[in-house]
Amino acid sequence: MPKPRKQQIALSETPYYHLISRCVRRAFLCGITETYNFEHRRGWILERLHQLTKMFAIDIAAFALMSNHYHLVVRVNVASAADWSYQDIADRWQLLFRLPLLVERYLCGVSSGDAENHVVENTLEKWRSRLCDISWFMRCLNEHIARLANSEDNCTGRFWEGRFKSQALLNEKAVLTAMAYVDLNPIRAKMAPTPEASNYTSIQQRLGKAVHCAFHGELLPFAEDSHQHNVQQHIPYHFVDYIELVDWTGRQMRQDKHGSINTATPAILTHLGIPSHCWLQNCQLLETDFHQVIGPISSLKQFCQKIGQSWVHGQTACRRSFG
């Protein structure tokens, strides 16, 4: 039986999560078959993600849109949401939903009294909570895409598998591992030879090579970019080092590229303290080896206590890679 989402996500322990959503029966989300071309559906997802990042207190660190599934690495910014005024909350909420009359009256300062104000303020606080909620974020994304796809296919029923999968990322090393795993999806699937040729991925977006498949929102910045954007929260590594790491990993994974591989281990991998063979295994078997949680054993045990579990799969892989 699937576990409740409250037993998989604990924002008090980590704001970072790797999310995966797959089409039912491995149906084509995007891509090209012998009879149909579904490439335009990836544009639907990018457009919806742009809209949702303006609405939710959720930043996207990495993404990859594949033929029958997609990956996201996200950060939930609870602190930012806590600073929103009631007007800010209403402005964000109405990007997708119609405001009730009581809320409109409250914002215009024409409410009928304390009882009405109390009801409206409770509603706005509930919206604040939902705008930091990964389940609501994924609901607003997947339901919208499913409706569009079913309408285009002239059919009804499920388009996605019953639930999206989530993996908690307990420290910066786990975040970087998940990001590399996501960015290397097309290379692992032999759909692209290099990161810059990997369409509909965040790595191509960050390299400025996403011409016809660009995400128009802002990705969570790396350390050196955070000052330019006046952003306090960022990925605590340099983008150049990350690019070197992803490129090296992609070359190791592509069997047809061995002749041109630079065998020197990237400096950032040495800094992370993850053995190279473990890193390569993680970038190919992240979902299989780690299951629900990725990070050091000490943090994993604390996370388990928070979600009310005594044990989770993947402890051997966590110990192997993160000590």
Protein backbone atom coordinates (compact mmCIF):
# COMPACT_ATOMS: atom_id res chain seq x y z
CA MET A 1 0.00 0.00 0.00
CA PRO A 2 1.38 3.47 -0.88
CA LYS A 3 2.59 5.54 2.06
CA PRO A 4 0.89 8.83 2.91
CA ARG A 5 2.85 11.80 1.61
CA LYS A 6 3.39 13.05 5.19
CA GLN A 7 5.49 9.91 5.71
CA GLN A 8 7.71 10.78 2.75
CA ILE A 9 8.20 14.55 3.01
CA ALA A 10 9.50 16.41 6.08
CA LEU A 11 10.33 20.03 5.30
CA SER A 12 11.76 20.54 8.79
CA GLU A 13 14.55 18.09 7.89
CA THR A 14 15.25 19.12 4.28
CA PRO A 15 13.70 21.48 1.72
CA TYR A 16 15.16 19.53 -1.24
CA TYR A 17 13.37 16.69 -3.06
CA HIS A 18 13.79 14.68 -6.23
CA LEU A 19 10.37 14.15 -7.87
CA ILE A 20 9.47 11.69 -10.64
CA SER A 21 6.15 11.30 -12.43
CA ARG A 22 5.52 8.60 -15.05
CA CYS A 23 2.78 8.02 -17.58
CA VAL A 24 0.46 5.09 -16.99
CA ARG A 25 1.33 1.93 -18.96
CA ARG A 26 4.52 3.64 -20.16
CA ALA A 27 2.43 5.68 -22.61
CA PHE A 28 4.14 8.45 -24.54
CA LEU A 29 4.18 11.75 -22.70
CA CYS A 30 6.37 13.35 -25.34
CA GLY A 31 8.58 12.22 -28.18
CA ILE A 32 7.92 10.75 -31.59
CA THR A 33 6.32 7.41 -32.46
CA GLU A 34 5.77 5.82 -35.86
CA THR A 35 2.40 7.53 -36.20
CA TYR A 36 2.38 10.54 -33.84
CA ASN A 37 4.60 13.39 -32.77
CA PHE A 38 4.15 14.43 -29.13
CA GLU A 39 7.15 16.75 -28.84
CA HIS A 40 4.94 19.81 -28.30
CA ARG A 41 3.77 18.37 -24.97
CA ARG A 42 7.14 19.12 -23.43
CA GLY A 43 6.39 22.77 -24.13
CA TRP A 44 3.17 22.37 -22.14
CA ILE A 45 5.16 21.20 -19.13
CA LEU A 46 7.77 23.97 -19.38
CA GLU A 47 5.05 26.61 -19.66
CA ARG A 48 3.17 25.17 -16.70
CA LEU A 49 6.35 24.96 -14.60
CA HIS A 50 7.04 28.62 -15.33
CA GLN A 51 3.56 29.54 -14.14
CA LEU A 52 3.79 27.38 -11.02
CA THR A 53 7.17 28.75 -9.95
CA LYS A 54 5.64 32.23 -9.99
CA MET A 55 2.83 30.97 -7.80
CA PHE A 56 4.43 28.50 -5.36
CA ALA A 57 7.30 28.98 -2.91
CA ILE A 58 9.10 26.18 -4.77
CA ASP A 59 12.32 26.62 -6.77
CA ILE A 60 13.49 24.27 -9.50
CA ALA A 61 17.13 23.22 -9.31
CA ALA A 62 17.07 20.63 -12.12
CA PHE A 63 14.64 19.10 -14.58
CA ALA A 64 14.55 16.57 -17.41
CA LEU A 65 11.49 15.92 -19.59
CA MET A 66 11.69 12.44 -21.10
CA SER A 67 9.40 10.52 -23.46
CA ASN A 68 7.17 8.91 -20.82
CA HIS A 69 8.21 10.55 -17.55
CA TYR A 70 9.86 13.63 -16.11
CA HIS A 71 12.23 14.46 -13.24
CA LEU A 72 12.41 17.55 -11.04
CA VAL A 73 14.80 18.52 -8.26
CA VAL A 74 13.05 21.20 -6.20
CA ARG A 75 13.62 23.32 -3.14
CA VAL A 76 10.69 24.39 -0.94
CA ASN A 77 11.27 27.92 0.35
CA VAL A 78 9.13 27.96 3.50
CA ALA A 79 10.89 31.02 4.90
CA SER A 80 9.95 33.07 1.86
CA ALA A 81 6.30 32.03 2.10
CA ALA A 82 6.23 32.99 5.78
CA ASP A 83 7.02 36.60 4.82
CA TRP A 84 4.18 36.94 2.31
CA SER A 85 1.42 39.39 3.12
CA TYR A 86 -2.20 38.37 2.66
CA GLN A 87 -2.23 40.39 -0.56
CA ASP A 88 0.83 38.46 -1.79
CA ILE A 89 -0.89 35.15 -1.06
CA ALA A 90 -4.07 36.20 -2.88
CA ASP A 91 -2.11 37.50 -5.88
CA ARG A 92 -0.32 34.18 -6.21
CA TRP A 93 -3.41 32.06 -5.63
CA GLN A 94 -5.44 33.83 -8.29
CA LEU A 95 -2.86 32.97 -10.95
CA LEU A 96 -4.69 29.62 -11.16
CA PHE A 97 -7.83 29.89 -9.05
CA ARG A 98 -10.69 32.35 -8.72
CA LEU A 99 -10.80 34.29 -5.46
CA PRO A 100 -13.95 33.85 -3.34
CA LEU A 101 -16.09 36.94 -2.87
CA LEU A 102 -15.29 37.07 0.86
CA VAL A 103 -11.55 37.26 0.10
CA GLU A 104 -12.07 40.02 -2.46
CA ARG A 105 -14.14 41.99 0.07
CA TYR A 106 -11.45 41.54 2.76
CA LEU A 107 -8.66 42.74 0.46
CA CYS A 108 -10.72 45.78 -0.51
CA GLY A 109 -11.33 46.58 3.16
CA VAL A 110 -15.12 46.23 2.98
CA SER A 111 -15.66 43.08 5.08
CA SER A 112 -18.71 42.96 7.34
CA GLY A 113 -16.90 42.37 10.64
CA ASP A 114 -14.52 40.30 12.78
CA ALA A 115 -16.25 36.98 12.11
CA GLU A 116 -15.87 37.39 8.34
CA ASN A 117 -12.27 38.55 8.74
CA HIS A 118 -11.48 35.48 10.83
CA VAL A 119 -12.86 33.15 8.15
CA VAL A 120 -10.92 34.90 5.38
CA GLU A 121 -7.64 34.95 7.32
CA ASN A 122 -7.94 31.23 8.03
CA THR A 123 -8.50 30.67 4.31
CA LEU A 124 -5.45 32.73 3.38
CA GLU A 125 -3.28 30.88 5.88
CA LYS A 126 -4.47 27.60 4.37
CA TRP A 127 -3.45 28.89 0.95
CA ARG A 128 -0.04 29.90 2.33
CA SER A 129 0.45 26.31 3.48
CA ARG A 130 -0.67 24.89 0.13
CA LEU A 131 1.70 27.17 -1.76
CA CYS A 132 4.61 25.47 0.08
CA ASP A 133 3.18 21.98 -0.49
CA ILE A 134 4.89 19.66 -2.97
CA SER A 135 1.73 17.59 -3.39
CA TRP A 136 -0.28 20.65 -4.38
CA PHE A 137 2.50 21.71 -6.77
CA MET A 138 2.50 18.31 -8.48
CA ARG A 139 -1.27 18.20 -8.53
CA CYS A 140 -1.47 21.54 -10.32
CA LEU A 141 1.15 20.37 -12.81
CA ASN A 142 0.00 16.82 -13.54
CA GLU A 143 -3.74 17.45 -13.62
CA HIS A 144 -3.30 20.27 -16.13
CA ILE A 145 -1.09 18.20 -18.45
CA ALA A 146 -3.39 15.17 -18.18
CA ARG A 147 -6.42 17.24 -19.21
CA LEU A 148 -4.59 18.65 -22.23
CA ALA A 149 -3.27 15.25 -23.31
CA ASN A 150 -6.62 13.47 -22.87
CA SER A 151 -8.35 16.21 -24.83
CA GLU A 152 -5.81 15.91 -27.63
CA ASP A 153 -6.10 12.09 -27.63
CA ASN A 154 -9.90 12.30 -27.41
CA CYS A 155 -10.01 9.89 -24.49
CA THR A 156 -10.65 9.79 -20.74
CA GLY A 157 -9.04 8.08 -17.75
CA ARG A 158 -5.66 8.17 -16.09
CA PHE A 159 -2.74 9.71 -17.90
CA TRP A 160 -0.22 9.51 -15.03
CA GLU A 161 0.54 6.67 -12.67
CA GLY A 162 -1.40 6.95 -9.44
CA ARG A 163 1.20 8.98 -7.55
CA PHE A 164 4.45 10.77 -8.13
CA LYS A 165 7.59 9.42 -6.50
CA SER A 166 9.69 11.56 -4.16
CA GLN A 167 13.18 11.19 -2.73
CA ALA A 168 14.29 13.39 0.16
CA LEU A 169 17.76 14.92 -0.36
CA LEU A 170 19.28 15.35 3.08
CA ASN A 171 22.41 17.39 2.32
CA GLU A 172 24.17 19.33 -0.45
CA LYS A 173 26.01 16.24 -1.70
CA ALA A 174 22.71 14.42 -2.13
CA VAL A 175 21.28 17.45 -3.96
CA LEU A 176 24.21 17.53 -6.39
CA THR A 177 23.95 13.76 -6.93
CA ALA A 178 20.26 14.01 -7.77
CA MET A 179 20.83 16.99 -10.06
CA ALA A 180 23.52 15.13 -12.02
CA TYR A 181 21.28 12.05 -12.23
CA VAL A 182 18.46 14.19 -13.65
CA ASP A 183 20.63 16.16 -16.07
CA LEU A 184 22.21 12.96 -17.42
CA ASN A 185 18.88 11.23 -18.17
CA PRO A 186 19.03 11.73 -21.97
CA ILE A 187 22.64 10.53 -22.09
CA ARG A 188 21.83 7.48 -19.99
CA ALA A 189 18.92 6.70 -22.33
CA LYS A 190 21.19 7.24 -25.38
CA MET A 191 18.96 10.07 -26.58
CA ALA A 192 21.79 12.63 -26.59
CA PRO A 193 25.60 12.44 -26.91
CA THR A 194 26.46 15.41 -24.65
CA PRO A 195 24.86 17.57 -21.92
CA GLU A 196 24.55 20.57 -24.23
CA ALA A 197 22.67 18.41 -26.76
CA SER A 198 20.26 17.08 -24.11
CA ASN A 199 17.01 18.81 -25.01
CA TYR A 200 14.50 19.74 -22.32
CA THR A 201 16.98 19.50 -19.47
CA SER A 202 18.18 22.06 -16.94
CA ILE A 203 21.81 21.46 -17.89
CA GLN A 204 21.11 22.58 -21.46
CA GLN A 205 19.14 25.53 -20.08
CA ARG A 206 22.01 26.61 -17.83
CA LEU A 207 24.47 26.31 -20.73
CA GLY A 208 22.32 28.64 -22.85
CA LYS A 209 21.81 25.98 -25.55
CA ALA A 210 18.04 25.53 -25.12
CA VAL A 211 16.92 27.38 -28.23
CA HIS A 212 13.53 25.84 -29.05
CA CYS A 213 13.00 24.14 -25.69
CA ALA A 214 13.73 26.89 -23.17
CA PHE A 215 12.31 27.15 -19.67
CA HIS A 216 11.38 30.81 -19.19
CA GLY A 217 11.45 30.73 -15.41
CA GLU A 218 14.51 31.08 -13.17
CA LEU A 219 16.40 28.02 -12.00
CA LEU A 220 17.83 27.89 -8.49
CA PRO A 221 21.23 29.61 -8.89
CA PHE A 222 24.66 28.27 -8.08
CA ALA A 223 26.88 30.03 -5.55
CA GLU A 224 28.56 32.50 -7.91
CA ASP A 225 25.22 33.54 -9.48
CA SER A 226 23.34 34.16 -6.23
CA HIS A 227 24.86 37.64 -5.70
CA GLN A 228 23.88 38.75 -9.22
CA HIS A 229 20.26 37.78 -8.58
CA ASN A 230 20.26 39.00 -4.95
CA VAL A 231 19.26 35.49 -3.85
CA GLN A 232 20.24 34.20 -0.43
CA GLN A 233 19.36 30.57 -1.14
CA HIS A 234 21.52 28.86 -3.73
CA ILE A 235 23.27 25.62 -4.61
CA PRO A 236 26.52 25.82 -2.60
CA TYR A 237 28.84 24.87 -5.47
CA HIS A 238 30.24 26.67 -8.50
CA PHE A 239 28.54 26.11 -11.84
CA VAL A 240 31.83 25.55 -13.70
CA ASP A 241 32.72 22.72 -11.31
CA TYR A 242 29.28 21.19 -11.73
CA ILE A 243 29.53 21.33 -15.54
CA GLU A 244 32.91 19.60 -15.40
CA LEU A 245 31.48 16.90 -13.14
CA VAL A 246 28.43 16.28 -15.34
CA ASP A 247 30.53 16.21 -18.51
CA TRP A 248 33.02 13.74 -16.99
CA THR A 249 30.22 11.53 -15.68
CA GLY A 250 28.42 11.55 -19.04
CA ARG A 251 31.57 10.49 -20.84
CA GLN A 252 32.11 7.63 -18.42
CA MET A 253 28.55 6.42 -18.96
CA ARG A 254 28.68 6.57 -22.77
CA GLN A 255 30.44 3.41 -23.93
CA ASP A 256 31.04 4.89 -27.38
CA LYS A 257 32.97 7.84 -25.91
CA HIS A 258 35.76 5.99 -24.12
CA GLY A 259 38.39 6.96 -26.69
CA SER A 260 38.06 10.64 -25.82
CA ILE A 261 37.58 10.41 -22.07
CA ASN A 262 39.74 12.51 -19.82
CA THR A 263 40.49 10.04 -17.04
CA ALA A 264 41.37 12.76 -14.51
CA THR A 265 38.75 12.88 -11.75
CA PRO A 266 37.09 16.32 -11.45
CA ALA A 267 38.23 18.30 -8.40
CA ILE A 268 34.64 18.75 -7.20
CA LEU A 269 34.22 14.96 -6.92
CA THR A 270 37.27 14.82 -4.67
CA HIS A 271 35.80 17.66 -2.63
CA LEU A 272 32.50 15.81 -2.27
CA GLY A 273 34.35 12.81 -0.85
CA ILE A 274 32.33 10.30 -2.88
CA PRO A 275 34.38 7.50 -4.49
CA SER A 276 34.24 7.76 -8.27
CA HIS A 277 32.79 4.26 -8.73
CA CYS A 278 30.04 5.07 -6.21
CA TRP A 279 29.32 8.37 -7.94
CA LEU A 280 28.94 6.67 -11.32
CA GLN A 281 26.67 4.00 -9.84
CA ASN A 282 24.54 6.69 -8.17
CA CYS A 283 24.16 8.55 -11.47
CA GLN A 284 22.77 5.40 -13.07
CA LEU A 285 20.83 3.69 -10.26
CA LEU A 286 19.70 6.55 -8.04
CA GLU A 287 16.03 5.52 -7.93
CA THR A 288 16.81 1.82 -7.46
CA ASP A 289 19.56 2.03 -4.83
CA PHE A 290 18.25 4.83 -2.62
CA HIS A 291 14.46 4.55 -2.80
CA GLN A 292 12.95 7.25 -0.54
CA VAL A 293 15.89 9.07 1.12
CA ILE A 294 19.36 10.13 -0.03
CA GLY A 295 22.01 11.39 2.37
CA PRO A 296 24.32 10.47 5.26
CA ILE A 297 23.21 7.79 7.72
CA SER A 298 23.00 10.19 10.68
CA SER A 299 20.61 12.49 8.80
CA LEU A 300 18.69 9.50 7.44
CA LYS A 301 17.96 8.22 10.95
CA GLN A 302 16.78 11.65 12.05
CA PHE A 303 14.55 11.90 8.98
CA CYS A 304 13.04 8.48 9.75
CA GLN A 305 12.17 9.60 13.27
CA LYS A 306 10.49 12.69 11.89
CA ILE A 307 8.24 10.73 9.50
CA GLY A 308 7.51 8.03 12.07
CA GLN A 309 9.45 5.17 10.51
CA SER A 310 12.11 2.98 12.08
CA TRP A 311 13.75 1.90 8.83
CA VAL A 312 13.88 2.77 5.11
CA HIS A 313 15.40 1.12 2.06
CA GLY A 314 18.74 2.38 0.76
CA GLN A 315 20.83 2.57 3.93
CA THR A 316 23.63 0.53 2.36
CA ALA A 317 23.82 2.92 -0.59
CA CYS A 318 23.76 5.95 1.75
CA ARG A 319 26.57 4.51 3.85
CA ARG A 320 28.58 3.63 0.73
CA SER A 321 28.36 7.14 -0.76
CA PHE A 322 27.92 9.52 2.15
CA GLY A 323 29.54 7.77 5.11
